[in-house]
C-alpha atoms as a PDB file:
ATOM      1  CA  MET A   1     102.365 169.638 -51.639  1.00  0.00           C
ATOM      2  CA  LYS A   2      98.722 169.454 -50.647  1.00  0.00           C
ATOM      3  CA  GLN A   3      97.302 165.944 -50.755  1.00  0.00           C
ATOM      4  CA  ARG A   4      94.197 165.372 -52.852  1.00  0.00           C
ATOM      5  CA  ALA A   5      91.042 164.742 -50.885  1.00  0.00           C
ATOM      6  CA  THR A   6      89.594 161.306 -51.427  1.00  0.00           C
ATOM      7  CA  LEU A   7      85.911 160.512 -51.700  1.00  0.00           C
ATOM      8  CA  LEU A   8      84.086 157.379 -52.742  1.00  0.00           C
ATOM      9  CA  ALA A   9      80.337 157.763 -53.026  1.00  0.00           C
ATOM     10  CA  LEU A  10      78.040 154.840 -53.640  1.00  0.00           C
ATOM     11  CA  VAL A  11      75.474 155.251 -56.389  1.00  0.00           C
ATOM     12  CA  VAL A  12      72.873 152.544 -56.931  1.00  0.00           C
ATOM     13  CA  THR A  13      71.131 153.490 -60.136  1.00  0.00           C
ATOM     14  CA  GLY A  14      67.838 152.398 -61.612  1.00  0.00           C
ATOM     15  CA  SER A  15      69.748 150.580 -64.312  1.00  0.00           C
ATOM     16  CA  LEU A  16      69.859 147.660 -61.940  1.00  0.00           C
ATOM     17  CA  LEU A  17      66.483 147.604 -62.797  1.00  0.00           C
ATOM     18  CA  PHE A  18     104.679 134.749 -90.449  1.00  0.00           C
ATOM     19  CA  ALA A  19     107.657 133.114 -91.692  1.00  0.00           C
ATOM     20  CA  ALA A  20     108.992 134.277 -95.117  1.00  0.00           C
ATOM     21  CA  GLY A  21     109.708 131.488 -97.662  1.00  0.00           C
ATOM     22  CA  CYS A  22     113.068 131.241 -99.482  1.00  0.00           C
ATOM     23  CA  THR A  23     114.246 129.299-102.523  1.00  0.00           C
ATOM     24  CA  GLY A  24     117.483 127.389-103.045  1.00  0.00           C
ATOM     25  CA  GLU A  25     119.935 126.278-100.364  1.00  0.00           C
ATOM     26  CA  ALA A  26     122.512 128.556 -98.817  1.00  0.00           C
ATOM     27  CA  GLU A  27     126.035 127.360 -98.100  1.00  0.00           C
ATOM     28  CA  PRO A  28     126.662 126.998 -94.366  1.00  0.00           C
ATOM     29  CA  THR A  29     128.888 129.695 -92.955  1.00  0.00           C
ATOM     30  CA  ARG A  30     131.016 129.789 -89.848  1.00  0.00           C
ATOM     31  CA  ALA A  31     130.096 132.064 -86.999  1.00  0.00           C
ATOM     32  CA  GLU A  32     132.175 135.198 -86.941  1.00  0.00           C
ATOM     33  CA  LYS A  33     132.951 137.563 -84.125  1.00  0.00           C
ATOM     34  CA  PRO A  34     131.383 140.998 -84.436  1.00  0.00           C
ATOM     35  CA  LEU A  35     133.686 143.773 -85.566  1.00  0.00           C
ATOM     36  CA  GLN A  36     135.291 145.799 -82.812  1.00  0.00           C
ATOM     37  CA  GLY A  37     133.309 148.907 -82.095  1.00  0.00           C
ATOM     38  CA  ALA A  38     130.177 147.642 -83.837  1.00  0.00           C
ATOM     39  CA  SER A  39     127.027 148.328 -81.823  1.00  0.00           C
ATOM     40  CA  ALA A  40     124.164 145.855 -81.599  1.00  0.00           C
ATOM     41  CA  VAL A  41     120.808 146.989 -82.955  1.00  0.00           C
ATOM     42  CA  PRO A  42     118.526 147.461 -79.933  1.00  0.00           C
ATOM     43  CA  SER A  43     115.317 145.475 -79.810  1.00  0.00           C
ATOM     44  CA  PRO A  44     112.188 147.581 -80.097  1.00  0.00           C
ATOM     45  CA  THR A  45     110.542 148.353 -76.766  1.00  0.00           C
ATOM     46  CA  PRO A  46     107.263 146.454 -76.530  1.00  0.00           C
ATOM     47  CA  ASP A  47     104.165 148.610 -76.225  1.00  0.00           C
ATOM     48  CA  VAL A  48     102.649 146.800 -73.248  1.00  0.00           C
ATOM     49  CA  ARG A  49      99.953 149.389 -72.673  1.00  0.00           C
ATOM     50  CA  GLY A  50      98.897 149.254 -76.324  1.00  0.00           C
ATOM     51  CA  GLU A  51      98.871 145.470 -76.159  1.00  0.00           C
ATOM     52  CA  LEU A  52      96.580 145.448 -73.118  1.00  0.00           C
ATOM     53  CA  VAL A  53      94.298 148.163 -74.511  1.00  0.00           C
ATOM     54  CA  ALA A  54      93.905 146.127 -77.725  1.00  0.00           C
ATOM     55  CA  ALA A  55      92.913 143.045 -75.687  1.00  0.00           C
ATOM     56  CA  LEU A  56      90.385 145.036 -73.654  1.00  0.00           C
ATOM     57  CA  GLN A  57      88.879 146.601 -76.768  1.00  0.00           C
ATOM     58  CA  ARG A  58      88.679 143.221 -78.487  1.00  0.00           C
ATOM     59  CA  SER A  59      86.789 141.751 -75.536  1.00  0.00           C
ATOM     60  CA  GLN A  60      84.520 144.771 -75.250  1.00  0.00           C
ATOM     61  CA  GLN A  61      83.547 144.506 -78.915  1.00  0.00           C
ATOM     62  CA  ALA A  62      82.667 140.778 -78.737  1.00  0.00           C
ATOM     63  CA  ALA A  63      79.740 139.041 -77.093  1.00  0.00           C
ATOM     64  CA  HIS A  64      80.668 137.824 -73.608  1.00  0.00           C
ATOM     65  CA  ARG A  65      79.434 136.979 -70.137  1.00  0.00           C
ATOM     66  CA  PHE A  66      80.687 138.556 -66.927  1.00  0.00           C
ATOM     67  CA  VAL A  67      80.597 138.036 -63.161  1.00  0.00           C
ATOM     68  CA  VAL A  68      81.276 140.762 -60.600  1.00  0.00           C
ATOM     69  CA  ARG A  69      82.244 140.276 -56.945  1.00  0.00           C
ATOM     70  CA  GLY A  70      83.689 142.683 -54.419  1.00  0.00           C
ATOM     71  CA  GLY A  71      83.389 145.283 -51.707  1.00  0.00           C
ATOM     72  CA  LEU A  72      81.692 148.666 -51.841  1.00  0.00           C
ATOM     73  CA  PRO A  73      81.870 151.704 -49.544  1.00  0.00           C
ATOM     74  CA  GLU A  74      80.159 151.660 -46.156  1.00  0.00           C
ATOM     75  CA  GLY A  75      80.616 147.926 -45.658  1.00  0.00           C
ATOM     76  CA  GLN A  76      78.473 146.873 -48.582  1.00  0.00           C
ATOM     77  CA  LYS A  77      79.232 144.047 -51.012  1.00  0.00           C
ATOM     78  CA  ILE A  78      78.283 143.631 -54.637  1.00  0.00           C
ATOM     79  CA  SER A  79      77.483 140.464 -56.536  1.00  0.00           C
ATOM     80  CA  GLY A  80      76.449 140.494 -60.165  1.00  0.00           C
ATOM     81  CA  THR A  81      76.217 138.493 -63.363  1.00  0.00           C
ATOM     82  CA  GLY A  82      75.409 139.495 -66.903  1.00  0.00           C
ATOM     83  CA  ALA A  83      75.912 139.185 -70.632  1.00  0.00           C
ATOM     84  CA  PHE A  84      76.541 141.689 -73.421  1.00  0.00           C
ATOM     85  CA  ASP A  85      76.302 141.294 -77.189  1.00  0.00           C
ATOM     86  CA  PRO A  86      77.241 144.622 -78.829  1.00  0.00           C
ATOM     87  CA  GLN A  87      76.620 143.382 -82.375  1.00  0.00           C
ATOM     88  CA  LYS A  88      73.074 142.169 -81.723  1.00  0.00           C
ATOM     89  CA  ARG A  89      72.462 144.982 -79.217  1.00  0.00           C
ATOM     90  CA  ARG A  90      71.422 142.706 -76.383  1.00  0.00           C
ATOM     91  CA  PHE A  91      72.334 143.139 -72.732  1.00  0.00           C
ATOM     92  CA  GLU A  92      71.269 141.609 -69.435  1.00  0.00           C
ATOM     93  CA  THR A  93      72.412 141.935 -65.846  1.00  0.00           C
ATOM     94  CA  THR A  94      71.377 140.918 -62.337  1.00  0.00           C
ATOM     95  CA  VAL A  95      73.021 142.733 -59.444  1.00  0.00           C
ATOM     96  CA  SER A  96      72.577 142.541 -55.683  1.00  0.00           C
ATOM     97  CA  ILE A  97      74.098 144.840 -53.067  1.00  0.00           C
ATOM     98  CA  SER A  98      74.143 143.466 -49.528  1.00  0.00           C
ATOM     99  CA  GLY A  99      75.184 144.759 -46.124  1.00  0.00           C
ATOM    100  CA  GLY A 100      75.262 148.351 -44.980  1.00  0.00           C
ATOM    101  CA  LYS A 101      72.207 150.549 -44.704  1.00  0.00           C
ATOM    102  CA  TYR A 102      70.814 150.234 -48.217  1.00  0.00           C
ATOM    103  CA  PRO A 103      70.764 146.651 -49.545  1.00  0.00           C
ATOM    104  CA  SER A 104      69.151 146.290 -52.947  1.00  0.00           C
ATOM    105  CA  ALA A 105      68.784 143.974 -55.912  1.00  0.00           C
ATOM    106  CA  GLY A 106      67.606 144.219 -59.469  1.00  0.00           C
ATOM    107  CA  SER A 107      67.722 142.851 -62.988  1.00  0.00           C
ATOM    108  CA  ARG A 108      67.666 144.488 -66.390  1.00  0.00           C
ATOM    109  CA  ILE A 109      67.371 143.274 -69.965  1.00  0.00           C
ATOM    110  CA  VAL A 110      67.890 145.621 -72.906  1.00  0.00           C
ATOM    111  CA  ILE A 111      67.197 144.613 -76.498  1.00  0.00           C
ATOM    112  CA  GLY A 112      67.703 147.413 -78.984  1.00  0.00           C
ATOM    113  CA  THR A 113      65.629 150.306 -77.689  1.00  0.00           C
ATOM    114  CA  GLU A 114      63.448 148.195 -75.410  1.00  0.00           C
ATOM    115  CA  SER A 115      64.400 147.990 -71.727  1.00  0.00           C
ATOM    116  CA  TYR A 116      62.939 145.672 -69.097  1.00  0.00           C
ATOM    117  CA  GLY A 117      63.661 145.896 -65.379  1.00  0.00           C
ATOM    118  CA  ARG A 118      62.556 144.380 -62.108  1.00  0.00           C
ATOM    119  CA  SER A 119      63.559 145.011 -58.518  1.00  0.00           C
ATOM    120  CA  SER A 120      63.601 141.417 -57.261  1.00  0.00           C
ATOM    121  CA  ALA A 121      63.715 137.834 -58.494  1.00  0.00           C
ATOM    122  CA  LYS A 122      59.987 137.451 -57.886  1.00  0.00           C
ATOM    123  CA  GLY A 123      58.946 140.899 -59.046  1.00  0.00           C
ATOM    124  CA  HIS A 124      57.280 141.584 -62.377  1.00  0.00           C
ATOM    125  CA  TRP A 125      59.154 142.980 -65.345  1.00  0.00           C
ATOM    126  CA  VAL A 126      58.456 146.571 -66.382  1.00  0.00           C
ATOM    127  CA  HIS A 127      58.955 147.665 -69.992  1.00  0.00           C
ATOM    128  CA  VAL A 128      60.407 151.074 -70.842  1.00  0.00           C
ATOM    129  CA  ASP A 129      60.783 152.531 -74.331  1.00  0.00           C
ATOM    130  CA  LEU A 130      64.313 153.935 -74.444  1.00  0.00           C
ATOM    131  CA  LYS A 131      63.410 156.146 -77.416  1.00  0.00           C
ATOM    132  CA  ARG A 132      61.394 158.221 -74.973  1.00  0.00           C
ATOM    133  CA  ILE A 133      64.152 158.533 -72.356  1.00  0.00           C
ATOM    134  CA  GLU A 134      66.045 161.806 -72.152  1.00  0.00           C
ATOM    135  CA  PRO A 135      69.842 161.401 -72.518  1.00  0.00           C
ATOM    136  CA  ASP A 136      70.472 162.738 -69.009  1.00  0.00           C
ATOM    137  CA  HIS A 137      67.815 160.644 -67.257  1.00  0.00           C
ATOM    138  CA  PRO A 138      69.517 159.676 -63.963  1.00  0.00           C
ATOM    139  CA  PHE A 139      68.203 156.108 -63.795  1.00  0.00           C
ATOM    140  CA  LEU A 140      66.887 154.732 -67.077  1.00  0.00           C
ATOM    141  CA  ARG A 141      69.425 156.009 -69.614  1.00  0.00           C
ATOM    142  CA  PHE A 142      71.389 153.313 -71.418  1.00  0.00           C
ATOM    143  CA  ASP A 143      74.641 153.701 -73.323  1.00  0.00           C
ATOM    144  CA  TRP A 144      75.123 150.995 -75.958  1.00  0.00           C
ATOM    145  CA  ALA A 145      78.687 152.197 -76.499  1.00  0.00           C
ATOM    146  CA  ASP A 146      79.706 151.227 -72.959  1.00  0.00           C
ATOM    147  CA  PRO A 147      77.004 149.618 -70.798  1.00  0.00           C
ATOM    148  CA  THR A 148      79.491 147.724 -68.605  1.00  0.00           C
ATOM    149  CA  GLY A 149      82.013 150.511 -68.062  1.00  0.00           C
ATOM    150  CA  LEU A 150      84.801 148.521 -69.743  1.00  0.00           C
ATOM    151  CA  LYS A 151      85.442 151.167 -72.401  1.00  0.00           C
ATOM    152  CA  LYS A 152      85.786 153.924 -69.827  1.00  0.00           C
ATOM    153  CA  PHE A 153      88.001 151.744 -67.642  1.00  0.00           C
ATOM    154  CA  THR A 154      90.282 151.114 -70.630  1.00  0.00           C
ATOM    155  CA  SER A 155      90.654 154.849 -71.239  1.00  0.00           C
ATOM    156  CA  SER A 156      91.528 155.386 -67.560  1.00  0.00           C
ATOM    157  CA  ILE A 157      94.663 153.181 -67.623  1.00  0.00           C
ATOM    158  CA  VAL A 158      97.777 155.218 -66.819  1.00  0.00           C
ATOM    159  CA  SER A 159     100.583 152.654 -66.626  1.00  0.00           C
ATOM    160  CA  VAL A 160     101.019 148.934 -67.384  1.00  0.00           C
ATOM    161  CA  ASP A 161     103.645 146.239 -66.861  1.00  0.00           C
ATOM    162  CA  ARG A 162     103.510 142.642 -68.040  1.00  0.00           C
ATOM    163  CA  THR A 163     104.227 140.475 -65.005  1.00  0.00           C
ATOM    164  CA  GLY A 164     103.546 137.102 -66.604  1.00  0.00           C
ATOM    165  CA  PRO A 165     102.729 135.537 -69.981  1.00  0.00           C
ATOM    166  CA  ARG A 166      99.061 136.401 -69.454  1.00  0.00           C
ATOM    167  CA  THR A 167      99.151 138.857 -66.561  1.00  0.00           C
ATOM    168  CA  TYR A 168      99.281 142.659 -66.567  1.00  0.00           C
ATOM    169  CA  THR A 169      99.556 144.963 -63.579  1.00  0.00           C
ATOM    170  CA  GLY A 170      99.339 148.720 -63.513  1.00  0.00           C
ATOM    171  CA  ARG A 171      97.473 151.772 -62.308  1.00  0.00           C
ATOM    172  CA  PHE A 172      94.365 153.560 -63.492  1.00  0.00           C
ATOM    173  CA  ASP A 173      92.548 156.774 -62.654  1.00  0.00           C
ATOM    174  CA  PRO A 174      89.257 155.864 -60.931  1.00  0.00           C
ATOM    175  CA  ASP A 175      87.839 159.403 -61.001  1.00  0.00           C
ATOM    176  CA  SER A 176      84.353 159.374 -62.470  1.00  0.00           C
ATOM    177  CA  LYS A 177      84.363 162.173 -65.017  1.00  0.00           C
ATOM    178  CA  GLY A 178      81.017 163.905 -65.057  1.00  0.00           C
ATOM    179  CA  ALA A 179      79.989 161.892 -61.978  1.00  0.00           C
ATOM    180  CA  THR A 180      79.203 158.918 -64.215  1.00  0.00           C
ATOM    181  CA  PRO A 181      80.056 155.589 -62.574  1.00  0.00           C
ATOM    182  CA  PHE A 182      82.184 153.060 -64.461  1.00  0.00           C
ATOM    183  CA  LEU A 183      83.195 150.779 -61.590  1.00  0.00           C
ATOM    184  CA  PRO A 184      82.887 147.916 -60.996  1.00  0.00           C
ATOM    185  CA  VAL A 185      83.334 146.854 -64.624  1.00  0.00           C
ATOM    186  CA  GLY A 186      80.124 144.989 -65.470  1.00  0.00           C
ATOM    187  CA  ALA A 187      77.994 146.679 -62.815  1.00  0.00           C
ATOM    188  CA  PRO A 188      78.856 150.397 -62.632  1.00  0.00           C
ATOM    189  CA  THR A 189      77.550 151.611 -59.266  1.00  0.00           C
ATOM    190  CA  ILE A 190      80.432 153.628 -57.766  1.00  0.00           C
ATOM    191  CA  VAL A 191      81.047 157.312 -58.292  1.00  0.00           C
ATOM    192  CA  SER A 192      84.669 158.018 -57.348  1.00  0.00           C
ATOM    193  CA  ILE A 193      85.816 161.608 -56.850  1.00  0.00           C
ATOM    194  CA  GLY A 194      89.367 162.641 -55.996  1.00  0.00           C
ATOM    195  CA  THR A 195      90.565 159.069 -55.576  1.00  0.00           C
ATOM    196  CA  PRO A 196      94.298 158.624 -56.239  1.00  0.00           C
ATOM    197  CA  LEU A 197      95.647 156.385 -58.984  1.00  0.00           C
ATOM    198  CA  SER A 198      94.744 152.812 -58.067  1.00  0.00           C
ATOM    199  CA  PRO A 199      96.233 149.391 -58.875  1.00  0.00           C
ATOM    200  CA  PHE A 200      94.768 146.730 -61.116  1.00  0.00           C
ATOM    201  CA  VAL A 201      95.635 143.173 -62.167  1.00  0.00           C
ATOM    202  CA  ILE A 202      94.318 141.866 -65.504  1.00  0.00           C
ATOM    203  CA  THR A 203      94.685 138.342 -66.869  1.00  0.00           C
ATOM    204  CA  THR A 204      93.985 136.949 -70.327  1.00  0.00           C
ATOM    205  CA  ASP A 205      93.352 133.425 -71.585  1.00  0.00           C
ATOM    206  CA  ASP A 206      95.422 131.510 -74.142  1.00  0.00           C
ATOM    207  CA  GLN A 207      93.466 133.150 -76.980  1.00  0.00           C
ATOM    208  CA  GLY A 208      94.055 136.691 -75.763  1.00  0.00           C
ATOM    209  CA  TRP A 209      90.560 137.311 -74.390  1.00  0.00           C
ATOM    210  CA  ILE A 210      90.265 139.157 -71.084  1.00  0.00           C
ATOM    211  CA  ASN A 211      89.808 136.667 -68.259  1.00  0.00           C
ATOM    212  CA  SER A 212      89.649 138.862 -65.165  1.00  0.00           C
ATOM    213  CA  ILE A 213      90.009 142.465 -64.020  1.00  0.00           C
ATOM    214  CA  LYS A 214      90.807 143.051 -60.342  1.00  0.00           C
ATOM    215  CA  VAL A 215      90.983 146.586 -58.962  1.00  0.00           C
ATOM    216  CA  ASP A 216      91.783 147.980 -55.520  1.00  0.00           C
ATOM    217  CA  LEU A 217      90.297 151.261 -54.309  1.00  0.00           C
ATOM    218  CA  SER A 218      91.303 153.166 -51.166  1.00  0.00           C
ATOM    219  CA  PRO A 219      88.473 155.269 -49.695  1.00  0.00           C
ATOM    220  CA  SER A 220      89.308 158.101 -47.320  1.00  0.00           C
ATOM    221  CA  LYS A 221      87.352 156.188 -44.691  1.00  0.00           C
ATOM    222  CA  GLY A 222      87.111 152.452 -44.213  1.00  0.00           C
ATOM    223  CA  PRO A 223      89.139 149.534 -45.542  1.00  0.00           C
ATOM    224  CA  LYS A 224      90.536 149.016 -49.015  1.00  0.00           C
ATOM    225  CA  LEU A 225      87.977 147.785 -51.540  1.00  0.00           C
ATOM    226  CA  THR A 226      88.808 144.915 -53.886  1.00  0.00           C
ATOM    227  CA  ILE A 227      86.516 144.242 -56.832  1.00  0.00           C
ATOM    228  CA  THR A 228      86.971 141.488 -59.411  1.00  0.00           C
ATOM    229  CA  THR A 229      85.218 141.073 -62.752  1.00  0.00           C
ATOM    230  CA  THR A 230      85.633 137.802 -64.637  1.00  0.00           C
ATOM    231  CA  MET A 231      84.707 137.402 -68.311  1.00  0.00           C
ATOM    232  CA  SER A 232      83.923 134.312 -70.373  1.00  0.00           C
ATOM    233  CA  ASP A 233      82.227 132.939 -73.504  1.00  0.00           C
ATOM    234  CA  HIS A 234      83.797 135.556 -75.763  1.00  0.00           C
ATOM    235  CA  GLY A 235      82.339 135.529 -79.257  1.00  0.00           C
ATOM    236  CA  LYS A 236      79.769 132.865 -78.454  1.00  0.00           C
ATOM    237  CA  THR A 237      76.037 133.079 -79.108  1.00  0.00           C
ATOM    238  CA  LEU A 238      74.229 134.414 -76.046  1.00  0.00           C
ATOM    239  CA  LYS A 239      70.570 133.774 -75.295  1.00  0.00           C
ATOM    240  CA  ILE A 240      69.110 137.090 -74.176  1.00  0.00           C
ATOM    241  CA  ASN A 241      65.369 137.181 -74.787  1.00  0.00           C
ATOM    242  CA  THR A 242      62.433 139.444 -74.001  1.00  0.00           C
ATOM    243  CA  PRO A 243      61.027 138.498 -70.571  1.00  0.00           C
ATOM    244  CA  ALA A 244      57.492 137.147 -70.540  1.00  0.00           C
ATOM    245  CA  GLY A 245      54.653 139.007 -68.868  1.00  0.00           C
ATOM    246  CA  ALA A 246      56.228 142.455 -68.799  1.00  0.00           C
ATOM    247  CA  VAL A 247      53.933 145.372 -67.987  1.00  0.00           C
ATOM    248  CA  GLU A 248      54.222 148.878 -69.387  1.00  0.00           C
ATOM    249  CA  ALA A 249      55.859 151.574 -67.288  1.00  0.00           C
ATOM    250  CA  ALA A 250      53.694 154.390 -65.971  1.00  0.00           C
ATOM    251  CA  GLU A 251      53.861 157.688 -67.846  1.00  0.00           C
ATOM    252  CA  SER A 252      55.486 159.300 -64.820  1.00  0.00           C
ATOM    253  CA  THR A 253      58.478 157.023 -65.379  1.00  0.00           C
ATOM    254  CA  TYR A 254      59.531 159.066 -68.402  1.00  0.00           C
ATOM    255  CA  ARG A 255      59.572 162.375 -66.567  1.00  0.00           C
ATOM    256  CA  ASN A 256      63.089 163.271 -65.429  1.00  0.00           C
END
């Protein structure tokens, strides 16, 4: 059988910019042996994958903060933080990529249809009207349905086992359909093509919110990549405001 070719390409996009009650008292009864030949009713098999998917969807639909740390192809490393409130349509992220040939950094704030980006901590903010952006714009497009890649990651899960009260392990398909990056969760910058099914470890807190998502990727060249996304403050009010002093983007920005 021919082995699939494996390719991991790095893409740094401009987006960096019940108990039932009973009445009466029953007479106590003695325990009786089961009748010969009687078969026990099997317990229903737990739907572990459905359980994990429900937890991921619940976290994706609630306001939360996230932190991303890990390795990227070609010896680069990624570090990022952000917050996402899908109900109020507010999103912010700051991501830096270090090492390798192309280090970069950037921040982005999106409120409704207004996007603000800057390329460094000391740079000025630039405002872009998302209503004017074409859906296939390679850098400035923004998908409110899945800005962190969590939704797409959830759909990519192939198998799951529960390995602890709050721990799930399994495999997912990291292929980027349509060459759209969805990894790392929280800072999608990797386009993965032809990569085999890869392992993940996901933990939840005592309230069922997603705590962390750790994935391992195996490029055809170079060492294994481990990337971890941690999530917190689920359902809490997040302060994501319009940055002061933003300047308007040049008209050429809107041309794809």
